[in-house]
Amino acid sequence: MKKQDFIKAVATAAGLSQDAAGKALNAMVDIVTAELKAGSEVNITGFGAFKVSKRAARNWVNPRTGAKISIPAMKTPVFRAGKTLKENVR
C-alpha cells in the first residue's frame, strides 16, 4: 500500500476528505520525526513504539576490494510493534 492509497483508506474509514486525511497523516509524521530528533520516544498504545537507537562505530571490509572502512557511530529510528498489533497480524 502506497501513501496515497493509505490516505484514501483512512479518509473512507474515518469519514473525512482525502485532503484532511492527508494533512493528518503528514502532521503525525512531522510530530513523530520532531520527537525522535529531540531524543524522545513515541508510544501509541496498541500499535507500537518509535524510538531512537544508537549504533556504535564499527569497522567494515569491502568484500570486493578488501579495503577497510570505518563506519562512524550514528543514531537510527526503530519501530517496535505493540502486543495488539502483533496479535492481530498473527
PDB file of N, CA and C in Angstrom:
ATOM      1  N   MET A   1       0.847  -1.174   0.000  1.00  0.00           N
ATOM      2  CA  MET A   1       0.000   0.000   0.000  1.00  0.00           C
ATOM      3  C   MET A   1       0.891   1.235   0.000  1.00  0.00           C
ATOM      4  N   LYS A   2       0.627   2.107  -0.921  1.00  0.00           N
ATOM      5  CA  LYS A   2       1.384   3.358  -1.016  1.00  0.00           C
ATOM      6  C   LYS A   2       0.703   4.436  -0.172  1.00  0.00           C
ATOM      7  N   LYS A   3       1.411   5.547   0.004  1.00  0.00           N
ATOM      8  CA  LYS A   3       0.912   6.620   0.855  1.00  0.00           C
ATOM      9  C   LYS A   3      -0.457   7.109   0.396  1.00  0.00           C
ATOM     10  N   GLN A   4      -0.644   7.322  -0.890  1.00  0.00           N
ATOM     11  CA  GLN A   4      -1.910   7.834  -1.399  1.00  0.00           C
ATOM     12  C   GLN A   4      -3.039   6.835  -1.167  1.00  0.00           C
ATOM     13  N   ASP A   5      -2.747   5.537  -1.327  1.00  0.00           N
ATOM     14  CA  ASP A   5      -3.753   4.507  -1.049  1.00  0.00           C
ATOM     15  C   ASP A   5      -4.120   4.503   0.431  1.00  0.00           C
ATOM     16  N   PHE A   6      -3.114   4.688   1.283  1.00  0.00           N
ATOM     17  CA  PHE A   6      -3.348   4.733   2.726  1.00  0.00           C
ATOM     18  C   PHE A   6      -4.233   5.924   3.080  1.00  0.00           C
ATOM     19  N   ILE A   7      -3.950   7.077   2.488  1.00  0.00           N
ATOM     20  CA  ILE A   7      -4.754   8.286   2.747  1.00  0.00           C
ATOM     21  C   ILE A   7      -6.203   8.051   2.328  1.00  0.00           C
ATOM     22  N   LYS A   8      -6.425   7.426   1.173  1.00  0.00           N
ATOM     23  CA  LYS A   8      -7.788   7.129   0.720  1.00  0.00           C
ATOM     24  C   LYS A   8      -8.502   6.205   1.697  1.00  0.00           C
ATOM     25  N   ALA A   9      -7.796   5.176   2.182  1.00  0.00           N
ATOM     26  CA  ALA A   9      -8.394   4.223   3.118  1.00  0.00           C
ATOM     27  C   ALA A   9      -8.749   4.902   4.438  1.00  0.00           C
ATOM     28  N   VAL A  10      -7.868   5.757   4.941  1.00  0.00           N
ATOM     29  CA  VAL A  10      -8.135   6.477   6.188  1.00  0.00           C
ATOM     30  C   VAL A  10      -9.318   7.425   6.003  1.00  0.00           C
ATOM     31  N   ALA A  11      -9.349   8.117   4.880  1.00  0.00           N
ATOM     32  CA  ALA A  11     -10.444   9.051   4.607  1.00  0.00           C
ATOM     33  C   ALA A  11     -11.784   8.322   4.571  1.00  0.00           C
ATOM     34  N   THR A  12     -11.813   7.169   3.935  1.00  0.00           N
ATOM     35  CA  THR A  12     -13.044   6.384   3.849  1.00  0.00           C
ATOM     36  C   THR A  12     -13.462   5.861   5.222  1.00  0.00           C
ATOM     37  N   ALA A  13     -12.511   5.304   5.968  1.00  0.00           N
ATOM     38  CA  ALA A  13     -12.825   4.717   7.271  1.00  0.00           C
ATOM     39  C   ALA A  13     -13.251   5.766   8.294  1.00  0.00           C
ATOM     40  N   ALA A  14     -12.660   6.957   8.230  1.00  0.00           N
ATOM     41  CA  ALA A  14     -12.957   7.996   9.220  1.00  0.00           C
ATOM     42  C   ALA A  14     -14.030   8.976   8.754  1.00  0.00           C
ATOM     43  N   GLY A  15     -14.472   8.845   7.520  1.00  0.00           N
ATOM     44  CA  GLY A  15     -15.482   9.764   7.010  1.00  0.00           C
ATOM     45  C   GLY A  15     -14.940  11.163   6.793  1.00  0.00           C
ATOM     46  N   LEU A  16     -13.659  11.252   6.412  1.00  0.00           N
ATOM     47  CA  LEU A  16     -13.006  12.543   6.162  1.00  0.00           C
ATOM     48  C   LEU A  16     -12.756  12.728   4.675  1.00  0.00           C
ATOM     49  N   SER A  17     -12.408  13.945   4.320  1.00  0.00           N
ATOM     50  CA  SER A  17     -11.983  14.169   2.947  1.00  0.00           C
ATOM     51  C   SER A  17     -10.549  13.664   2.818  1.00  0.00           C
ATOM     52  N   GLN A  18     -10.136  13.379   1.600  1.00  0.00           N
ATOM     53  CA  GLN A  18      -8.765  12.918   1.387  1.00  0.00           C
ATOM     54  C   GLN A  18      -7.765  13.997   1.768  1.00  0.00           C
ATOM     55  N   ASP A  19      -8.130  15.252   1.570  1.00  0.00           N
ATOM     56  CA  ASP A  19      -7.249  16.363   1.935  1.00  0.00           C
ATOM     57  C   ASP A  19      -7.030  16.398   3.448  1.00  0.00           C
ATOM     58  N   ALA A  20      -8.101  16.250   4.212  1.00  0.00           N
ATOM     59  CA  ALA A  20      -7.997  16.267   5.681  1.00  0.00           C
ATOM     60  C   ALA A  20      -7.195  15.064   6.180  1.00  0.00           C
ATOM     61  N   ALA A  21      -7.444  13.899   5.599  1.00  0.00           N
ATOM     62  CA  ALA A  21      -6.708  12.700   6.000  1.00  0.00           C
ATOM     63  C   ALA A  21      -5.225  12.843   5.667  1.00  0.00           C
ATOM     64  N   GLY A  22      -4.911  13.424   4.511  1.00  0.00           N
ATOM     65  CA  GLY A  22      -3.520  13.658   4.126  1.00  0.00           C
ATOM     66  C   GLY A  22      -2.823  14.626   5.060  1.00  0.00           C
ATOM     67  N   LYS A  23      -3.531  15.695   5.448  1.00  0.00           N
ATOM     68  CA  LYS A  23      -2.951  16.655   6.386  1.00  0.00           C
ATOM     69  C   LYS A  23      -2.705  16.012   7.750  1.00  0.00           C
ATOM     70  N   ALA A  24      -3.640  15.174   8.194  1.00  0.00           N
ATOM     71  CA  ALA A  24      -3.487  14.492   9.476  1.00  0.00           C
ATOM     72  C   ALA A  24      -2.296  13.528   9.441  1.00  0.00           C
ATOM     73  N   LEU A  25      -2.148  12.790   8.354  1.00  0.00           N
ATOM     74  CA  LEU A  25      -1.023  11.865   8.226  1.00  0.00           C
ATOM     75  C   LEU A  25       0.299  12.617   8.204  1.00  0.00           C
ATOM     76  N   ASN A  26       0.363  13.699   7.438  1.00  0.00           N
ATOM     77  CA  ASN A  26       1.596  14.494   7.374  1.00  0.00           C
ATOM     78  C   ASN A  26       1.931  15.110   8.735  1.00  0.00           C
ATOM     79  N   ALA A  27       0.903  15.545   9.469  1.00  0.00           N
ATOM     80  CA  ALA A  27       1.131  16.105  10.798  1.00  0.00           C
ATOM     81  C   ALA A  27       1.668  15.039  11.743  1.00  0.00           C
ATOM     82  N   MET A  28       1.121  13.824  11.661  1.00  0.00           N
ATOM     83  CA  MET A  28       1.598  12.737  12.511  1.00  0.00           C
ATOM     84  C   MET A  28       3.063  12.419  12.218  1.00  0.00           C
ATOM     85  N   VAL A  29       3.405  12.335  10.950  1.00  0.00           N
ATOM     86  CA  VAL A  29       4.790  12.043  10.563  1.00  0.00           C
ATOM     87  C   VAL A  29       5.718  13.153  11.047  1.00  0.00           C
ATOM     88  N   ASP A  30       5.304  14.401  10.907  1.00  0.00           N
ATOM     89  CA  ASP A  30       6.119  15.534  11.357  1.00  0.00           C
ATOM     90  C   ASP A  30       6.333  15.506  12.870  1.00  0.00           C
ATOM     91  N   ILE A  31       5.284  15.187  13.617  1.00  0.00           N
ATOM     92  CA  ILE A  31       5.382  15.152  15.079  1.00  0.00           C
ATOM     93  C   ILE A  31       6.285  14.010  15.530  1.00  0.00           C
ATOM     94  N   VAL A  32       6.117  12.829  14.949  1.00  0.00           N
ATOM     95  CA  VAL A  32       6.973  11.692  15.309  1.00  0.00           C
ATOM     96  C   VAL A  32       8.433  12.015  14.985  1.00  0.00           C
ATOM     97  N   THR A  33       8.688  12.614  13.836  1.00  0.00           N
ATOM     98  CA  THR A  33      10.047  12.982  13.437  1.00  0.00           C
ATOM     99  C   THR A  33      10.645  13.983  14.415  1.00  0.00           C
ATOM    100  N   ALA A  34       9.882  15.003  14.790  1.00  0.00           N
ATOM    101  CA  ALA A  34      10.378  16.020  15.717  1.00  0.00           C
ATOM    102  C   ALA A  34      10.691  15.411  17.086  1.00  0.00           C
ATOM    103  N   GLU A  35       9.836  14.521  17.559  1.00  0.00           N
ATOM    104  CA  GLU A  35      10.068  13.880  18.857  1.00  0.00           C
ATOM    105  C   GLU A  35      11.305  12.993  18.821  1.00  0.00           C
ATOM    106  N   LEU A  36      11.500  12.260  17.732  1.00  0.00           N
ATOM    107  CA  LEU A  36      12.688  11.411  17.619  1.00  0.00           C
ATOM    108  C   LEU A  36      13.954  12.251  17.526  1.00  0.00           C
ATOM    109  N   LYS A  37      13.882  13.381  16.822  1.00  0.00           N
ATOM    110  CA  LYS A  37      15.040  14.282  16.752  1.00  0.00           C
ATOM    111  C   LYS A  37      15.403  14.810  18.130  1.00  0.00           C
ATOM    112  N   ALA A  38      14.395  15.041  18.958  1.00  0.00           N
ATOM    113  CA  ALA A  38      14.619  15.557  20.310  1.00  0.00           C
ATOM    114  C   ALA A  38      15.085  14.464  21.268  1.00  0.00           C
ATOM    115  N   GLY A  39      15.094  13.214  20.802  1.00  0.00           N
ATOM    116  CA  GLY A  39      15.544  12.112  21.637  1.00  0.00           C
ATOM    117  C   GLY A  39      14.439  11.441  22.432  1.00  0.00           C
ATOM    118  N   SER A  40      13.198  11.807  22.175  1.00  0.00           N
ATOM    119  CA  SER A  40      12.064  11.220  22.890  1.00  0.00           C
ATOM    120  C   SER A  40      11.584   9.943  22.209  1.00  0.00           C
ATOM    121  N   GLU A  41      10.761   9.220  22.927  1.00  0.00           N
ATOM    122  CA  GLU A  41      10.137   8.009  22.382  1.00  0.00           C
ATOM    123  C   GLU A  41       8.656   8.301  22.185  1.00  0.00           C
ATOM    124  N   VAL A  42       8.063   7.778  21.116  1.00  0.00           N
ATOM    125  CA  VAL A  42       6.641   7.966  20.838  1.00  0.00           C
ATOM    126  C   VAL A  42       5.959   6.610  20.956  1.00  0.00           C
ATOM    127  N   ASN A  43       5.060   6.489  21.944  1.00  0.00           N
ATOM    128  CA  ASN A  43       4.317   5.246  22.169  1.00  0.00           C
ATOM    129  C   ASN A  43       2.873   5.437  21.743  1.00  0.00           C
ATOM    130  N   ILE A  44       2.389   4.547  20.899  1.00  0.00           N
ATOM    131  CA  ILE A  44       0.992   4.545  20.505  1.00  0.00           C
ATOM    132  C   ILE A  44       0.428   3.224  20.996  1.00  0.00           C
ATOM    133  N   THR A  45      -0.332   3.284  22.071  1.00  0.00           N
ATOM    134  CA  THR A  45      -0.845   2.092  22.723  1.00  0.00           C
ATOM    135  C   THR A  45      -1.614   1.220  21.738  1.00  0.00           C
ATOM    136  N   GLY A  46      -1.279  -0.050  21.712  1.00  0.00           N
ATOM    137  CA  GLY A  46      -1.936  -0.999  20.823  1.00  0.00           C
ATOM    138  C   GLY A  46      -1.311  -1.072  19.450  1.00  0.00           C
ATOM    139  N   PHE A  47      -0.486  -0.116  19.107  1.00  0.00           N
ATOM    140  CA  PHE A  47       0.146  -0.105  17.785  1.00  0.00           C
ATOM    141  C   PHE A  47       1.632  -0.384  17.894  1.00  0.00           C
ATOM    142  N   GLY A  48       2.356   0.461  18.635  1.00  0.00           N
ATOM    143  CA  GLY A  48       3.785   0.243  18.787  1.00  0.00           C
ATOM    144  C   GLY A  48       4.498   1.477  19.290  1.00  0.00           C
ATOM    145  N   ALA A  49       5.824   1.400  19.256  1.00  0.00           N
ATOM    146  CA  ALA A  49       6.652   2.487  19.774  1.00  0.00           C
ATOM    147  C   ALA A  49       7.743   2.841  18.771  1.00  0.00           C
ATOM    148  N   PHE A  50       7.932   4.127  18.601  1.00  0.00           N
ATOM    149  CA  PHE A  50       9.027   4.644  17.787  1.00  0.00           C
ATOM    150  C   PHE A  50      10.079   5.161  18.752  1.00  0.00           C
ATOM    151  N   LYS A  51      11.330   4.810  18.536  1.00  0.00           N
ATOM    152  CA  LYS A  51      12.393   5.319  19.390  1.00  0.00           C
ATOM    153  C   LYS A  51      13.673   5.450  18.574  1.00  0.00           C
ATOM    154  N   VAL A  52      14.681   6.045  19.191  1.00  0.00           N
ATOM    155  CA  VAL A  52      15.977   6.229  18.542  1.00  0.00           C
ATOM    156  C   VAL A  52      16.950   5.239  19.163  1.00  0.00           C
ATOM    157  N   SER A  53      17.645   4.517  18.309  1.00  0.00           N
ATOM    158  CA  SER A  53      18.652   3.569  18.756  1.00  0.00           C
ATOM    159  C   SER A  53      20.024   4.103  18.372  1.00  0.00           C
ATOM    160  N   LYS A  54      20.984   3.922  19.253  1.00  0.00           N
ATOM    161  CA  LYS A  54      22.346   4.377  18.966  1.00  0.00           C
ATOM    162  C   LYS A  54      23.165   3.190  18.489  1.00  0.00           C
ATOM    163  N   ARG A  55      23.788   3.345  17.337  1.00  0.00           N
ATOM    164  CA  ARG A  55      24.644   2.298  16.789  1.00  0.00           C
ATOM    165  C   ARG A  55      26.095   2.684  17.025  1.00  0.00           C
ATOM    166  N   ALA A  56      26.863   1.763  17.518  1.00  0.00           N
ATOM    167  CA  ALA A  56      28.272   2.026  17.810  1.00  0.00           C
ATOM    168  C   ALA A  56      29.082   2.101  16.518  1.00  0.00           C
ATOM    169  N   ALA A  57      30.217   2.776  16.600  1.00  0.00           N
ATOM    170  CA  ALA A  57      31.130   2.826  15.464  1.00  0.00           C
ATOM    171  C   ALA A  57      31.674   1.421  15.231  1.00  0.00           C
ATOM    172  N   ARG A  58      31.942   1.098  13.968  1.00  0.00           N
ATOM    173  CA  ARG A  58      32.453  -0.237  13.657  1.00  0.00           C
ATOM    174  C   ARG A  58      33.311  -0.197  12.409  1.00  0.00           C
ATOM    175  N   ASN A  59      34.079  -1.228  12.228  1.00  0.00           N
ATOM    176  CA  ASN A  59      34.910  -1.359  11.042  1.00  0.00           C
ATOM    177  C   ASN A  59      34.257  -2.355  10.094  1.00  0.00           C
ATOM    178  N   TRP A  60      34.433  -2.113   8.806  1.00  0.00           N
ATOM    179  CA  TRP A  60      33.830  -2.947   7.784  1.00  0.00           C
ATOM    180  C   TRP A  60      34.855  -3.171   6.693  1.00  0.00           C
ATOM    181  N   VAL A  61      34.792  -4.320   6.055  1.00  0.00           N
ATOM    182  CA  VAL A  61      35.713  -4.621   4.960  1.00  0.00           C
ATOM    183  C   VAL A  61      34.895  -4.821   3.698  1.00  0.00           C
ATOM    184  N   ASN A  62      35.260  -4.089   2.640  1.00  0.00           N
ATOM    185  CA  ASN A  62      34.609  -4.245   1.352  1.00  0.00           C
ATOM    186  C   ASN A  62      35.023  -5.601   0.789  1.00  0.00           C
ATOM    187  N   PRO A  63      34.085  -6.518   0.541  1.00  0.00           N
ATOM    188  CA  PRO A  63      34.453  -7.854   0.089  1.00  0.00           C
ATOM    189  C   PRO A  63      35.099  -7.882  -1.302  1.00  0.00           C
ATOM    190  N   ARG A  64      34.789  -6.910  -2.139  1.00  0.00           N
ATOM    191  CA  ARG A  64      35.377  -6.879  -3.480  1.00  0.00           C
ATOM    192  C   ARG A  64      36.833  -6.429  -3.469  1.00  0.00           C
ATOM    193  N   THR A  65      37.075  -5.341  -2.752  1.00  0.00           N
ATOM    194  CA  THR A  65      38.421  -4.748  -2.805  1.00  0.00           C
ATOM    195  C   THR A  65      39.267  -5.097  -1.592  1.00  0.00           C
ATOM    196  N   GLY A  66      38.643  -5.515  -0.524  1.00  0.00           N
ATOM    197  CA  GLY A  66      39.385  -5.796   0.703  1.00  0.00           C
ATOM    198  C   GLY A  66      39.732  -4.539   1.478  1.00  0.00           C
ATOM    199  N   ALA A  67      39.264  -3.402   1.008  1.00  0.00           N
ATOM    200  CA  ALA A  67      39.559  -2.133   1.679  1.00  0.00           C
ATOM    201  C   ALA A  67      38.800  -2.055   2.999  1.00  0.00           C
ATOM    202  N   LYS A  68      39.479  -1.577   4.031  1.00  0.00           N
ATOM    203  CA  LYS A  68      38.856  -1.418   5.336  1.00  0.00           C
ATOM    204  C   LYS A  68      38.223  -0.036   5.424  1.00  0.00           C
ATOM    205  N   ILE A  69      37.006  -0.008   5.926  1.00  0.00           N
ATOM    206  CA  ILE A  69      36.258   1.233   6.042  1.00  0.00           C
ATOM    207  C   ILE A  69      35.787   1.363   7.486  1.00  0.00           C
ATOM    208  N   SER A  70      35.903   2.555   8.027  1.00  0.00           N
ATOM    209  CA  SER A  70      35.423   2.824   9.373  1.00  0.00           C
ATOM    210  C   SER A  70      34.053   3.488   9.271  1.00  0.00           C
ATOM    211  N   ILE A  71      33.062   2.863   9.866  1.00  0.00           N
ATOM    212  CA  ILE A  71      31.709   3.406   9.862  1.00  0.00           C
ATOM    213  C   ILE A  71      31.492   4.117  11.195  1.00  0.00           C
ATOM    214  N   PRO A  72      31.174   5.415  11.167  1.00  0.00           N
ATOM    215  CA  PRO A  72      31.033   6.167  12.425  1.00  0.00           C
ATOM    216  C   PRO A  72      29.771   5.778  13.192  1.00  0.00           C
ATOM    217  N   ALA A  73      29.757   6.123  14.471  1.00  0.00           N
ATOM    218  CA  ALA A  73      28.573   5.904  15.303  1.00  0.00           C
ATOM    219  C   ALA A  73      27.440   6.774  14.773  1.00  0.00           C
ATOM    220  N   MET A  74      26.219   6.282  14.904  1.00  0.00           N
ATOM    221  CA  MET A  74      25.073   7.050  14.415  1.00  0.00           C
ATOM    222  C   MET A  74      23.815   6.682  15.179  1.00  0.00           C
ATOM    223  N   LYS A  75      22.813   7.521  15.024  1.00  0.00           N
ATOM    224  CA  LYS A  75      21.502   7.257  15.590  1.00  0.00           C
ATOM    225  C   LYS A  75      20.601   6.788  14.453  1.00  0.00           C
ATOM    226  N   THR A  76      19.712   5.856  14.763  1.00  0.00           N
ATOM    227  CA  THR A  76      18.802   5.352  13.744  1.00  0.00           C
ATOM    228  C   THR A  76      17.407   5.162  14.343  1.00  0.00           C
ATOM    229  N   PRO A  77      16.344   5.453  13.590  1.00  0.00           N
ATOM    230  CA  PRO A  77      14.998   5.250  14.117  1.00  0.00           C
ATOM    231  C   PRO A  77      14.635   3.765  14.133  1.00  0.00           C
ATOM    232  N   VAL A  78      13.874   3.374  15.161  1.00  0.00           N
ATOM    233  CA  VAL A  78      13.463   1.979  15.319  1.00  0.00           C
ATOM    234  C   VAL A  78      11.978   1.952  15.658  1.00  0.00           C
ATOM    235  N   PHE A  79      11.266   1.000  15.078  1.00  0.00           N
ATOM    236  CA  PHE A  79       9.851   0.791  15.419  1.00  0.00           C
ATOM    237  C   PHE A  79       9.715  -0.579  16.055  1.00  0.00           C
ATOM    238  N   ARG A  80       9.071  -0.619  17.209  1.00  0.00           N
ATOM    239  CA  ARG A  80       8.809  -1.890  17.894  1.00  0.00           C
ATOM    240  C   ARG A  80       7.297  -2.057  17.936  1.00  0.00           C
ATOM    241  N   ALA A  81       6.800  -3.121  17.319  1.00  0.00           N
ATOM    242  CA  ALA A  81       5.361  -3.368  17.255  1.00  0.00           C
ATOM    243  C   ALA A  81       4.800  -3.689  18.629  1.00  0.00           C
ATOM    244  N   GLY A  82       3.600  -3.196  18.890  1.00  0.00           N
ATOM    245  CA  GLY A  82       2.923  -3.444  20.157  1.00  0.00           C
ATOM    246  C   GLY A  82       2.253  -4.806  20.177  1.00  0.00           C
ATOM    247  N   LYS A  83       1.845  -5.226  21.359  1.00  0.00           N
ATOM    248  CA  LYS A  83       1.245  -6.542  21.550  1.00  0.00           C
ATOM    249  C   LYS A  83      -0.024  -6.717  20.719  1.00  0.00           C
ATOM    250  N   THR A  84      -0.890  -5.726  20.723  1.00  0.00           N
ATOM    251  CA  THR A  84      -2.157  -5.825  19.976  1.00  0.00           C
ATOM    252  C   THR A  84      -1.907  -5.962  18.482  1.00  0.00           C
ATOM    253  N   LEU A  85      -0.990  -5.187  17.942  1.00  0.00           N
ATOM    254  CA  LEU A  85      -0.662  -5.274  16.514  1.00  0.00           C
ATOM    255  C   LEU A  85      -0.098  -6.649  16.185  1.00  0.00           C
ATOM    256  N   LYS A  86       0.794  -7.152  17.011  1.00  0.00           N
ATOM    257  CA  LYS A  86       1.375  -8.476  16.771  1.00  0.00           C
ATOM    258  C   LYS A  86       0.300  -9.557  16.765  1.00  0.00           C
ATOM    259  N   GLU A  87      -0.607  -9.489  17.745  1.00  0.00           N
ATOM    260  CA  GLU A  87      -1.655 -10.494  17.825  1.00  0.00           C
ATOM    261  C   GLU A  87      -2.598 -10.435  16.639  1.00  0.00           C
ATOM    262  N   ASN A  88      -2.930  -9.234  16.170  1.00  0.00           N
ATOM    263  CA  ASN A  88      -3.838  -9.094  15.039  1.00  0.00           C
ATOM    264  C   ASN A  88      -3.214  -9.548  13.731  1.00  0.00           C
ATOM    265  N   VAL A  89      -1.902  -9.421  13.609  1.00  0.00           N
ATOM    266  CA  VAL A  89      -1.223  -9.847  12.380  1.00  0.00           C
ATOM    267  C   VAL A  89      -1.108 -11.371  12.328  1.00  0.00           C
ATOM    268  N   ARG A  90      -0.936 -11.987  13.491  1.00  0.00           N
ATOM    269  CA  ARG A  90      -0.819 -13.460  13.537  1.00  0.00           C
ATOM    270  C   ARG A  90      -2.092 -14.069  13.158  1.00  0.00           C
TER     271      ARG A  90
END
